[in-house]
Amino acid sequence: MQTCEDFGTGKTRENFPVASRLIAPGLRAPIHAYYRFARAADDVADHARLEPAAKFELLDGLEATLLGRTDRDPAALPLRAQLRERALSPQHALDLLTAFRLDVTKHRYRDWDELMHYCRYSAMPVGRFVLELHGESRATWDASDPLCSALQVINHLQDCAKDYAALDRVYVPLDALERHGLGVEALGAQRATPQLRACLQSVAHQTASLLPPAAQLPIMVKDLRLAIETAVIVAVAGKLTGWLLKRDPLGERVHLSRAEAVRLAAGAAIAELLRRLRSAPGQITHRGDA
């Protein structure tokens, strides 16, 4: 019987750092397990040759394995074990499956609100899972949700041409295209027209509006390692949003190089560490270092 990982594409989610060295070693295994689960589901949802019915059947098998109804899909077994060991709910993983099921048949988003509804299931559960794993308060979701949503929309804008060409999937809200006199076929060009640039910049501006509340997350998080990690992610989101406000994602580079990512991460990490030391000396906490 085929499983989700039989249809792997080898893609990565570069805007979502996964169990980086900043995360406590004792917490990396569950994050890797969560990522493996998400990667397997995403690969199935995006597979070019699988029919929708086959995709749904594979995603259902992944869910059944996660919930312990079967051992059919190995991509869910490590996460199931980690959740049981740590007495965590599977809800954040189940929410991801809602988004991947949407991806199978939903290829257009009417407006920003509809796109944010998608992000509720495709992006927000990632941050919520990591925060819950660290024992952080649910109050942190007020900052985590906009951060994860911003990263998701940034990814959509970065890959808008590729998603349209390869999957006929368009996350740019249709009403934004319409306001600029465009249809989705505009995304098939080698370079964006002035109208499309203006459209994509309008979506980037809406994305930028998510960043002020997102920037509160490192301040709200108690764990030092996670605070530094989230500070780095906030910096990445800000940098990429700035590029998308100025650059053409169809014809210009809008992804960080490895060297750029390292420099940005180092600067953000040092700044957050210094902020912590100034604001609360002696009150820094750690989790999961075992």
C-alpha atoms as a PDB file:
ATOM      1  CA  MET A   1       0.000   0.000   0.000  1.00  0.00           C
ATOM      2  CA  GLN A   2       1.384   3.388  -0.965  1.00  0.00           C
ATOM      3  CA  THR A   3       1.933   6.070   1.640  1.00  0.00           C
ATOM      4  CA  CYS A   4       2.415   9.823   1.531  1.00  0.00           C
ATOM      5  CA  GLU A   5       6.193   9.632   1.474  1.00  0.00           C
ATOM      6  CA  ASP A   6       6.075   7.577  -1.723  1.00  0.00           C
ATOM      7  CA  PHE A   7       5.190  10.861  -3.425  1.00  0.00           C
ATOM      8  CA  GLY A   8       7.855  13.110  -1.940  1.00  0.00           C
ATOM      9  CA  THR A   9       8.937  16.111  -3.997  1.00  0.00           C
ATOM     10  CA  GLY A  10      12.030  17.127  -2.059  1.00  0.00           C
ATOM     11  CA  LYS A  11      10.699  20.639  -1.469  1.00  0.00           C
ATOM     12  CA  THR A  12      11.594  22.671   1.610  1.00  0.00           C
ATOM     13  CA  ARG A  13       9.762  25.460   3.415  1.00  0.00           C
ATOM     14  CA  GLU A  14      12.576  27.959   3.675  1.00  0.00           C
ATOM     15  CA  ASN A  15      10.583  30.665   5.470  1.00  0.00           C
ATOM     16  CA  PHE A  16       9.768  28.275   8.330  1.00  0.00           C
ATOM     17  CA  PRO A  17      13.025  27.393  10.137  1.00  0.00           C
ATOM     18  CA  VAL A  18      12.698  23.823  11.371  1.00  0.00           C
ATOM     19  CA  ALA A  19      14.321  22.801  14.670  1.00  0.00           C
ATOM     20  CA  SER A  20      17.214  25.184  14.140  1.00  0.00           C
ATOM     21  CA  ARG A  21      20.230  25.151  16.398  1.00  0.00           C
ATOM     22  CA  LEU A  22      18.546  27.832  18.481  1.00  0.00           C
ATOM     23  CA  ILE A  23      15.875  25.367  19.606  1.00  0.00           C
ATOM     24  CA  ALA A  24      16.789  23.354  22.700  1.00  0.00           C
ATOM     25  CA  PRO A  25      18.149  19.920  21.682  1.00  0.00           C
ATOM     26  CA  GLY A  26      15.575  18.127  23.814  1.00  0.00           C
ATOM     27  CA  LEU A  27      12.746  19.672  21.789  1.00  0.00           C
ATOM     28  CA  ARG A  28      14.087  19.148  18.285  1.00  0.00           C
ATOM     29  CA  ALA A  29      12.776  15.588  17.856  1.00  0.00           C
ATOM     30  CA  PRO A  30       9.079  16.525  18.145  1.00  0.00           C
ATOM     31  CA  ILE A  31       9.586  19.504  15.824  1.00  0.00           C
ATOM     32  CA  HIS A  32      11.296  17.303  13.254  1.00  0.00           C
ATOM     33  CA  ALA A  33       8.446  14.802  13.602  1.00  0.00           C
ATOM     34  CA  TYR A  34       5.891  17.564  13.043  1.00  0.00           C
ATOM     35  CA  TYR A  35       7.794  18.782   9.999  1.00  0.00           C
ATOM     36  CA  ARG A  36       8.025  15.267   8.545  1.00  0.00           C
ATOM     37  CA  PHE A  37       4.265  14.913   8.920  1.00  0.00           C
ATOM     38  CA  ALA A  38       3.642  18.296   7.275  1.00  0.00           C
ATOM     39  CA  ARG A  39       6.126  17.685   4.475  1.00  0.00           C
ATOM     40  CA  ALA A  40       4.529  14.338   3.592  1.00  0.00           C
ATOM     41  CA  ALA A  41       1.036  15.845   3.482  1.00  0.00           C
ATOM     42  CA  ASP A  42       2.181  18.856   1.472  1.00  0.00           C
ATOM     43  CA  ASP A  43       3.931  16.674  -1.092  1.00  0.00           C
ATOM     44  CA  VAL A  44       0.750  14.701  -1.654  1.00  0.00           C
ATOM     45  CA  ALA A  45      -1.428  17.811  -1.959  1.00  0.00           C
ATOM     46  CA  ASP A  46       0.979  19.319  -4.509  1.00  0.00           C
ATOM     47  CA  HIS A  47       1.675  16.171  -6.519  1.00  0.00           C
ATOM     48  CA  ALA A  48       1.149  16.855 -10.208  1.00  0.00           C
ATOM     49  CA  ARG A  49       0.069  13.357 -11.281  1.00  0.00           C
ATOM     50  CA  LEU A  50      -2.123  12.190  -8.402  1.00  0.00           C
ATOM     51  CA  GLU A  51      -5.868  12.477  -8.837  1.00  0.00           C
ATOM     52  CA  PRO A  52      -7.814  14.325  -6.099  1.00  0.00           C
ATOM     53  CA  ALA A  53      -9.457  11.130  -4.865  1.00  0.00           C
ATOM     54  CA  ALA A  54      -6.057   9.497  -4.395  1.00  0.00           C
ATOM     55  CA  LYS A  55      -4.754  12.562  -2.566  1.00  0.00           C
ATOM     56  CA  PHE A  56      -7.674  12.569  -0.173  1.00  0.00           C
ATOM     57  CA  GLU A  57      -7.246   8.851   0.469  1.00  0.00           C
ATOM     58  CA  LEU A  58      -3.559   9.308   1.314  1.00  0.00           C
ATOM     59  CA  LEU A  59      -4.254  12.276   3.587  1.00  0.00           C
ATOM     60  CA  ASP A  60      -6.962  10.283   5.334  1.00  0.00           C
ATOM     61  CA  GLY A  61      -4.415   7.503   5.926  1.00  0.00           C
ATOM     62  CA  LEU A  62      -1.976  10.001   7.406  1.00  0.00           C
ATOM     63  CA  GLU A  63      -4.665  11.257   9.789  1.00  0.00           C
ATOM     64  CA  ALA A  64      -5.724   7.753  10.772  1.00  0.00           C
ATOM     65  CA  THR A  65      -2.120   6.857  11.591  1.00  0.00           C
ATOM     66  CA  LEU A  66      -1.657  10.023  13.652  1.00  0.00           C
ATOM     67  CA  LEU A  67      -4.762   9.193  15.670  1.00  0.00           C
ATOM     68  CA  GLY A  68      -3.695   5.589  16.256  1.00  0.00           C
ATOM     69  CA  ARG A  69      -6.380   3.939  14.145  1.00  0.00           C
ATOM     70  CA  THR A  70      -3.747   2.288  11.942  1.00  0.00           C
ATOM     71  CA  ASP A  71       0.020   2.177  11.444  1.00  0.00           C
ATOM     72  CA  ARG A  72      -0.350   2.576   7.713  1.00  0.00           C
ATOM     73  CA  ASP A  73       1.668   5.743   7.109  1.00  0.00           C
ATOM     74  CA  PRO A  74       5.170   5.939   8.596  1.00  0.00           C
ATOM     75  CA  ALA A  75       5.294   9.724   8.151  1.00  0.00           C
ATOM     76  CA  ALA A  76       2.847  10.085  11.057  1.00  0.00           C
ATOM     77  CA  LEU A  77       4.345   7.526  13.434  1.00  0.00           C
ATOM     78  CA  PRO A  78       7.140   9.672  14.957  1.00  0.00           C
ATOM     79  CA  LEU A  79       4.761  12.549  15.610  1.00  0.00           C
ATOM     80  CA  ARG A  80       2.184  10.227  17.156  1.00  0.00           C
ATOM     81  CA  ALA A  81       4.856   8.860  19.489  1.00  0.00           C
ATOM     82  CA  GLN A  82       6.076  12.325  20.449  1.00  0.00           C
ATOM     83  CA  LEU A  83       2.566  13.584  21.142  1.00  0.00           C
ATOM     84  CA  ARG A  84       1.821  10.608  23.371  1.00  0.00           C
ATOM     85  CA  GLU A  85       5.125  10.876  25.208  1.00  0.00           C
ATOM     86  CA  ARG A  86       4.562  14.575  25.939  1.00  0.00           C
ATOM     87  CA  ALA A  87       0.773  14.416  26.438  1.00  0.00           C
ATOM     88  CA  LEU A  88       0.155  16.896  23.621  1.00  0.00           C
ATOM     89  CA  SER A  89      -2.967  17.210  21.493  1.00  0.00           C
ATOM     90  CA  PRO A  90      -2.845  16.218  17.801  1.00  0.00           C
ATOM     91  CA  GLN A  91      -5.012  19.249  16.919  1.00  0.00           C
ATOM     92  CA  HIS A  92      -2.206  21.374  15.462  1.00  0.00           C
ATOM     93  CA  ALA A  93      -1.311  18.567  13.070  1.00  0.00           C
ATOM     94  CA  LEU A  94      -4.957  17.917  12.200  1.00  0.00           C
ATOM     95  CA  ASP A  95      -5.364  21.611  11.404  1.00  0.00           C
ATOM     96  CA  LEU A  96      -2.560  21.315   8.856  1.00  0.00           C
ATOM     97  CA  LEU A  97      -4.429  18.504   7.143  1.00  0.00           C
ATOM     98  CA  THR A  98      -7.407  20.848   6.747  1.00  0.00           C
ATOM     99  CA  ALA A  99      -5.190  23.189   4.726  1.00  0.00           C
ATOM    100  CA  PHE A 100      -3.697  20.407   2.622  1.00  0.00           C
ATOM    101  CA  ARG A 101      -7.168  19.087   1.817  1.00  0.00           C
ATOM    102  CA  LEU A 102      -8.091  22.588   0.684  1.00  0.00           C
ATOM    103  CA  ASP A 103      -5.032  22.613  -1.555  1.00  0.00           C
ATOM    104  CA  VAL A 104      -6.262  19.529  -3.380  1.00  0.00           C
ATOM    105  CA  THR A 105      -9.276  21.273  -4.916  1.00  0.00           C
ATOM    106  CA  LYS A 106      -9.205  24.976  -4.003  1.00  0.00           C
ATOM    107  CA  HIS A 107      -6.983  26.898  -6.406  1.00  0.00           C
ATOM    108  CA  ARG A 108      -8.211  30.471  -5.961  1.00  0.00           C
ATOM    109  CA  TYR A 109      -8.802  32.844  -3.025  1.00  0.00           C
ATOM    110  CA  ARG A 110     -11.411  35.553  -3.344  1.00  0.00           C
ATOM    111  CA  ASP A 111      -9.984  38.150  -0.949  1.00  0.00           C
ATOM    112  CA  TRP A 112      -7.617  38.759   1.960  1.00  0.00           C
ATOM    113  CA  ASP A 113     -10.058  37.379   4.528  1.00  0.00           C
ATOM    114  CA  GLU A 114     -10.345  34.116   2.626  1.00  0.00           C
ATOM    115  CA  LEU A 115      -6.571  33.900   2.393  1.00  0.00           C
ATOM    116  CA  MET A 116      -6.269  34.495   6.142  1.00  0.00           C
ATOM    117  CA  HIS A 117      -8.769  31.691   6.728  1.00  0.00           C
ATOM    118  CA  TYR A 118      -6.443  29.431   4.763  1.00  0.00           C
ATOM    119  CA  CYS A 119      -3.486  30.636   6.851  1.00  0.00           C
ATOM    120  CA  ARG A 120      -5.439  29.719   9.985  1.00  0.00           C
ATOM    121  CA  TYR A 121      -4.902  26.097   8.980  1.00  0.00           C
ATOM    122  CA  SER A 122      -1.761  26.188   6.833  1.00  0.00           C
ATOM    123  CA  ALA A 123       0.475  28.453   8.942  1.00  0.00           C
ATOM    124  CA  MET A 124      -0.851  29.302  12.390  1.00  0.00           C
ATOM    125  CA  PRO A 125      -0.739  25.684  13.654  1.00  0.00           C
ATOM    126  CA  VAL A 126       3.036  25.612  13.108  1.00  0.00           C
ATOM    127  CA  GLY A 127       3.684  28.398  15.578  1.00  0.00           C
ATOM    128  CA  ARG A 128       1.049  27.161  17.989  1.00  0.00           C
ATOM    129  CA  PHE A 129       2.597  23.697  18.076  1.00  0.00           C
ATOM    130  CA  VAL A 130       6.076  25.043  18.790  1.00  0.00           C
ATOM    131  CA  LEU A 131       4.781  27.347  21.513  1.00  0.00           C
ATOM    132  CA  GLU A 132       2.749  24.592  23.151  1.00  0.00           C
ATOM    133  CA  LEU A 133       5.749  22.283  23.017  1.00  0.00           C
ATOM    134  CA  HIS A 134       7.750  24.901  24.921  1.00  0.00           C
ATOM    135  CA  GLY A 135       5.034  25.301  27.526  1.00  0.00           C
ATOM    136  CA  GLU A 136       4.319  28.893  26.504  1.00  0.00           C
ATOM    137  CA  SER A 137       1.025  30.614  27.259  1.00  0.00           C
ATOM    138  CA  ARG A 138      -1.773  30.659  24.695  1.00  0.00           C
ATOM    139  CA  ALA A 139      -1.572  34.435  24.940  1.00  0.00           C
ATOM    140  CA  THR A 140       1.475  34.173  22.683  1.00  0.00           C
ATOM    141  CA  TRP A 141      -0.799  33.062  19.852  1.00  0.00           C
ATOM    142  CA  ASP A 142      -1.889  36.692  19.445  1.00  0.00           C
ATOM    143  CA  ALA A 143       1.603  37.432  18.109  1.00  0.00           C
ATOM    144  CA  SER A 144       2.458  34.027  16.661  1.00  0.00           C
ATOM    145  CA  ASP A 145      -0.602  33.821  14.423  1.00  0.00           C
ATOM    146  CA  PRO A 146       0.162  37.039  12.482  1.00  0.00           C
ATOM    147  CA  LEU A 147       3.838  36.079  12.226  1.00  0.00           C
ATOM    148  CA  CYS A 148       3.079  32.668  10.770  1.00  0.00           C
ATOM    149  CA  SER A 149       0.453  34.151   8.453  1.00  0.00           C
ATOM    150  CA  ALA A 150       2.924  36.763   7.233  1.00  0.00           C
ATOM    151  CA  LEU A 151       5.494  34.081   6.477  1.00  0.00           C
ATOM    152  CA  GLN A 152       2.887  32.091   4.584  1.00  0.00           C
ATOM    153  CA  VAL A 153       1.803  35.024   2.424  1.00  0.00           C
ATOM    154  CA  ILE A 154       5.444  35.963   1.823  1.00  0.00           C
ATOM    155  CA  ASN A 155       5.976  32.447   0.517  1.00  0.00           C
ATOM    156  CA  HIS A 156       2.886  32.759  -1.688  1.00  0.00           C
ATOM    157  CA  LEU A 157       4.199  36.004  -3.182  1.00  0.00           C
ATOM    158  CA  GLN A 158       7.708  34.640  -3.656  1.00  0.00           C
ATOM    159  CA  ASP A 159       6.363  31.618  -5.536  1.00  0.00           C
ATOM    160  CA  CYS A 160       3.290  33.149  -7.183  1.00  0.00           C
ATOM    161  CA  ALA A 161       4.542  32.524 -10.727  1.00  0.00           C
ATOM    162  CA  LYS A 162       5.739  28.988  -9.976  1.00  0.00           C
ATOM    163  CA  ASP A 163       2.532  27.999  -8.185  1.00  0.00           C
ATOM    164  CA  TYR A 164       0.472  29.250 -11.113  1.00  0.00           C
ATOM    165  CA  ALA A 165       2.612  27.543 -13.755  1.00  0.00           C
ATOM    166  CA  ALA A 166       3.071  24.211 -11.982  1.00  0.00           C
ATOM    167  CA  LEU A 167      -0.174  23.788 -10.048  1.00  0.00           C
ATOM    168  CA  ASP A 168      -2.626  26.345 -11.482  1.00  0.00           C
ATOM    169  CA  ARG A 169      -2.865  27.521  -7.898  1.00  0.00           C
ATOM    170  CA  VAL A 170      -3.186  31.242  -7.139  1.00  0.00           C
ATOM    171  CA  TYR A 171      -2.989  32.592  -3.609  1.00  0.00           C
ATOM    172  CA  VAL A 172      -2.904  36.236  -4.717  1.00  0.00           C
ATOM    173  CA  PRO A 173      -6.440  37.375  -3.819  1.00  0.00           C
ATOM    174  CA  LEU A 174      -8.632  37.664  -6.887  1.00  0.00           C
ATOM    175  CA  ASP A 175     -10.076  40.985  -5.787  1.00  0.00           C
ATOM    176  CA  ALA A 176      -6.549  42.459  -5.647  1.00  0.00           C
ATOM    177  CA  LEU A 177      -5.936  41.319  -9.223  1.00  0.00           C
ATOM    178  CA  GLU A 178      -9.301  42.693 -10.318  1.00  0.00           C
ATOM    179  CA  ARG A 179      -8.649  46.098  -8.746  1.00  0.00           C
ATOM    180  CA  HIS A 180      -5.643  46.395 -11.029  1.00  0.00           C
ATOM    181  CA  GLY A 181      -7.493  45.172 -14.116  1.00  0.00           C
ATOM    182  CA  LEU A 182      -5.818  41.773 -14.145  1.00  0.00           C
ATOM    183  CA  GLY A 183      -6.675  38.094 -14.376  1.00  0.00           C
ATOM    184  CA  VAL A 184      -4.621  35.224 -13.007  1.00  0.00           C
ATOM    185  CA  GLU A 185      -2.923  34.738 -16.387  1.00  0.00           C
ATOM    186  CA  ALA A 186      -0.821  37.825 -15.612  1.00  0.00           C
ATOM    187  CA  LEU A 187       1.214  35.576 -13.313  1.00  0.00           C
ATOM    188  CA  GLY A 188       2.424  33.609 -16.334  1.00  0.00           C
ATOM    189  CA  ALA A 189       4.657  36.401 -17.645  1.00  0.00           C
ATOM    190  CA  GLN A 190       8.450  36.454 -17.410  1.00  0.00           C
ATOM    191  CA  ARG A 191       8.325  39.797 -15.623  1.00  0.00           C
ATOM    192  CA  ALA A 192       5.486  41.574 -13.869  1.00  0.00           C
ATOM    193  CA  THR A 193       3.750  44.412 -15.662  1.00  0.00           C
ATOM    194  CA  PRO A 194       3.420  47.717 -13.766  1.00  0.00           C
ATOM    195  CA  GLN A 195      -0.172  46.739 -12.958  1.00  0.00           C
ATOM    196  CA  LEU A 196       0.875  43.371 -11.561  1.00  0.00           C
ATOM    197  CA  ARG A 197       3.720  44.963  -9.602  1.00  0.00           C
ATOM    198  CA  ALA A 198       1.199  47.319  -8.022  1.00  0.00           C
ATOM    199  CA  CYS A 199      -1.124  44.397  -7.250  1.00  0.00           C
ATOM    200  CA  LEU A 200       1.588  42.297  -5.606  1.00  0.00           C
ATOM    201  CA  GLN A 201       2.837  45.306  -3.671  1.00  0.00           C
ATOM    202  CA  SER A 202      -0.678  45.894  -2.341  1.00  0.00           C
ATOM    203  CA  VAL A 203      -0.693  42.349  -0.966  1.00  0.00           C
ATOM    204  CA  ALA A 204       2.798  42.896   0.458  1.00  0.00           C
ATOM    205  CA  HIS A 205       1.501  46.031   2.206  1.00  0.00           C
ATOM    206  CA  GLN A 206      -1.264  43.977   3.818  1.00  0.00           C
ATOM    207  CA  THR A 207       1.359  41.461   4.860  1.00  0.00           C
ATOM    208  CA  ALA A 208       3.434  44.255   6.391  1.00  0.00           C
ATOM    209  CA  SER A 209       0.450  45.159   8.575  1.00  0.00           C
ATOM    210  CA  LEU A 210       0.848  41.771  10.285  1.00  0.00           C
ATOM    211  CA  LEU A 211       4.410  42.482  11.375  1.00  0.00           C
ATOM    212  CA  PRO A 212       3.874  44.949  14.261  1.00  0.00           C
ATOM    213  CA  PRO A 213       1.855  42.461  16.348  1.00  0.00           C
ATOM    214  CA  ALA A 214       4.203  39.675  15.227  1.00  0.00           C
ATOM    215  CA  ALA A 215       7.195  41.638  16.543  1.00  0.00           C
ATOM    216  CA  GLN A 216       5.790  41.270  20.068  1.00  0.00           C
ATOM    217  CA  LEU A 217       6.324  37.506  20.046  1.00  0.00           C
ATOM    218  CA  PRO A 218       9.991  37.474  21.197  1.00  0.00           C
ATOM    219  CA  ILE A 219       8.989  39.787  24.053  1.00  0.00           C
ATOM    220  CA  MET A 220       6.084  37.551  25.108  1.00  0.00           C
ATOM    221  CA  VAL A 221       7.993  34.260  24.956  1.00  0.00           C
ATOM    222  CA  LYS A 222       9.612  33.193  28.239  1.00  0.00           C
ATOM    223  CA  ASP A 223      12.110  30.650  26.923  1.00  0.00           C
ATOM    224  CA  LEU A 224      15.385  32.322  25.910  1.00  0.00           C
ATOM    225  CA  ARG A 225      16.197  30.019  23.005  1.00  0.00           C
ATOM    226  CA  LEU A 226      12.707  30.321  21.570  1.00  0.00           C
ATOM    227  CA  ALA A 227      12.713  34.087  22.054  1.00  0.00           C
ATOM    228  CA  ILE A 228      15.902  34.344  19.995  1.00  0.00           C
ATOM    229  CA  GLU A 229      14.490  31.966  17.388  1.00  0.00           C
ATOM    230  CA  THR A 230      11.320  34.020  17.049  1.00  0.00           C
ATOM    231  CA  ALA A 231      13.311  37.245  16.885  1.00  0.00           C
ATOM    232  CA  VAL A 232      15.227  35.797  13.943  1.00  0.00           C
ATOM    233  CA  ILE A 233      11.999  34.780  12.219  1.00  0.00           C
ATOM    234  CA  VAL A 234      10.519  38.252  12.735  1.00  0.00           C
ATOM    235  CA  ALA A 235      13.654  39.733  11.146  1.00  0.00           C
ATOM    236  CA  VAL A 236      13.369  37.355   8.184  1.00  0.00           C
ATOM    237  CA  ALA A 237       9.725  38.287   7.684  1.00  0.00           C
ATOM    238  CA  GLY A 238      10.539  41.976   7.790  1.00  0.00           C
ATOM    239  CA  LYS A 239      13.413  41.677   5.324  1.00  0.00           C
ATOM    240  CA  LEU A 240      11.458  39.618   2.811  1.00  0.00           C
ATOM    241  CA  THR A 241       8.392  41.835   3.052  1.00  0.00           C
ATOM    242  CA  GLY A 242      10.611  44.822   2.344  1.00  0.00           C
ATOM    243  CA  TRP A 243      11.972  43.123  -0.756  1.00  0.00           C
ATOM    244  CA  LEU A 244       8.492  42.244  -1.963  1.00  0.00           C
ATOM    245  CA  LEU A 245       7.499  45.893  -1.652  1.00  0.00           C
ATOM    246  CA  LYS A 246      10.366  46.836  -3.972  1.00  0.00           C
ATOM    247  CA  ARG A 247      11.159  43.843  -6.183  1.00  0.00           C
ATOM    248  CA  ASP A 248       9.360  41.847  -8.864  1.00  0.00           C
ATOM    249  CA  PRO A 249       8.933  38.234  -7.690  1.00  0.00           C
ATOM    250  CA  LEU A 250       8.436  37.122 -11.292  1.00  0.00           C
ATOM    251  CA  GLY A 251      11.770  38.455 -12.498  1.00  0.00           C
ATOM    252  CA  GLU A 252      13.914  39.342  -9.484  1.00  0.00           C
ATOM    253  CA  ARG A 253      15.355  37.449  -6.532  1.00  0.00           C
ATOM    254  CA  VAL A 254      13.137  37.619  -3.469  1.00  0.00           C
ATOM    255  CA  HIS A 255      14.695  34.788  -1.440  1.00  0.00           C
ATOM    256  CA  LEU A 256      17.532  35.118   1.060  1.00  0.00           C
ATOM    257  CA  SER A 257      20.856  33.581   0.155  1.00  0.00           C
ATOM    258  CA  ARG A 258      22.490  31.432   2.818  1.00  0.00           C
ATOM    259  CA  ALA A 259      24.996  34.187   3.615  1.00  0.00           C
ATOM    260  CA  GLU A 260      22.243  36.793   3.883  1.00  0.00           C
ATOM    261  CA  ALA A 261      20.217  34.524   6.144  1.00  0.00           C
ATOM    262  CA  VAL A 262      23.202  33.920   8.438  1.00  0.00           C
ATOM    263  CA  ARG A 263      23.980  37.629   8.740  1.00  0.00           C
ATOM    264  CA  LEU A 264      20.347  38.497   9.399  1.00  0.00           C
ATOM    265  CA  ALA A 265      19.984  35.727  11.969  1.00  0.00           C
ATOM    266  CA  ALA A 266      23.161  36.732  13.793  1.00  0.00           C
ATOM    267  CA  GLY A 267      22.099  40.360  14.038  1.00  0.00           C
ATOM    268  CA  ALA A 268      18.600  39.534  15.242  1.00  0.00           C
ATOM    269  CA  ALA A 269      19.856  36.955  17.757  1.00  0.00           C
ATOM    270  CA  ILE A 270      22.392  39.331  19.284  1.00  0.00           C
ATOM    271  CA  ALA A 271      19.838  42.143  19.477  1.00  0.00           C
ATOM    272  CA  GLU A 272      17.288  39.926  21.246  1.00  0.00           C
ATOM    273  CA  LEU A 273      19.863  38.541  23.657  1.00  0.00           C
ATOM    274  CA  LEU A 274      20.995  42.054  24.586  1.00  0.00           C
ATOM    275  CA  ARG A 275      17.372  43.166  25.010  1.00  0.00           C
ATOM    276  CA  ARG A 276      16.745  40.256  27.362  1.00  0.00           C
ATOM    277  CA  LEU A 277      19.836  40.930  29.399  1.00  0.00           C
ATOM    278  CA  ARG A 278      18.933  44.597  29.780  1.00  0.00           C
ATOM    279  CA  SER A 279      15.254  44.072  30.576  1.00  0.00           C
ATOM    280  CA  ALA A 280      15.299  41.076  32.906  1.00  0.00           C
ATOM    281  CA  PRO A 281      18.762  40.058  34.146  1.00  0.00           C
ATOM    282  CA  GLY A 282      18.672  36.794  36.040  1.00  0.00           C
ATOM    283  CA  GLN A 283      15.195  35.884  34.787  1.00  0.00           C
ATOM    284  CA  ILE A 284      16.118  34.067  31.571  1.00  0.00           C
ATOM    285  CA  THR A 285      14.600  30.586  31.330  1.00  0.00           C
ATOM    286  CA  HIS A 286      15.373  27.515  29.245  1.00  0.00           C
ATOM    287  CA  ARG A 287      13.455  24.350  28.391  1.00  0.00           C
ATOM    288  CA  GLY A 288      14.275  21.051  26.779  1.00  0.00           C
ATOM    289  CA  ASP A 289      18.057  21.143  27.184  1.00  0.00           C
ATOM    290  CA  ALA A 290      18.162  17.531  28.287  1.00  0.00           C
END
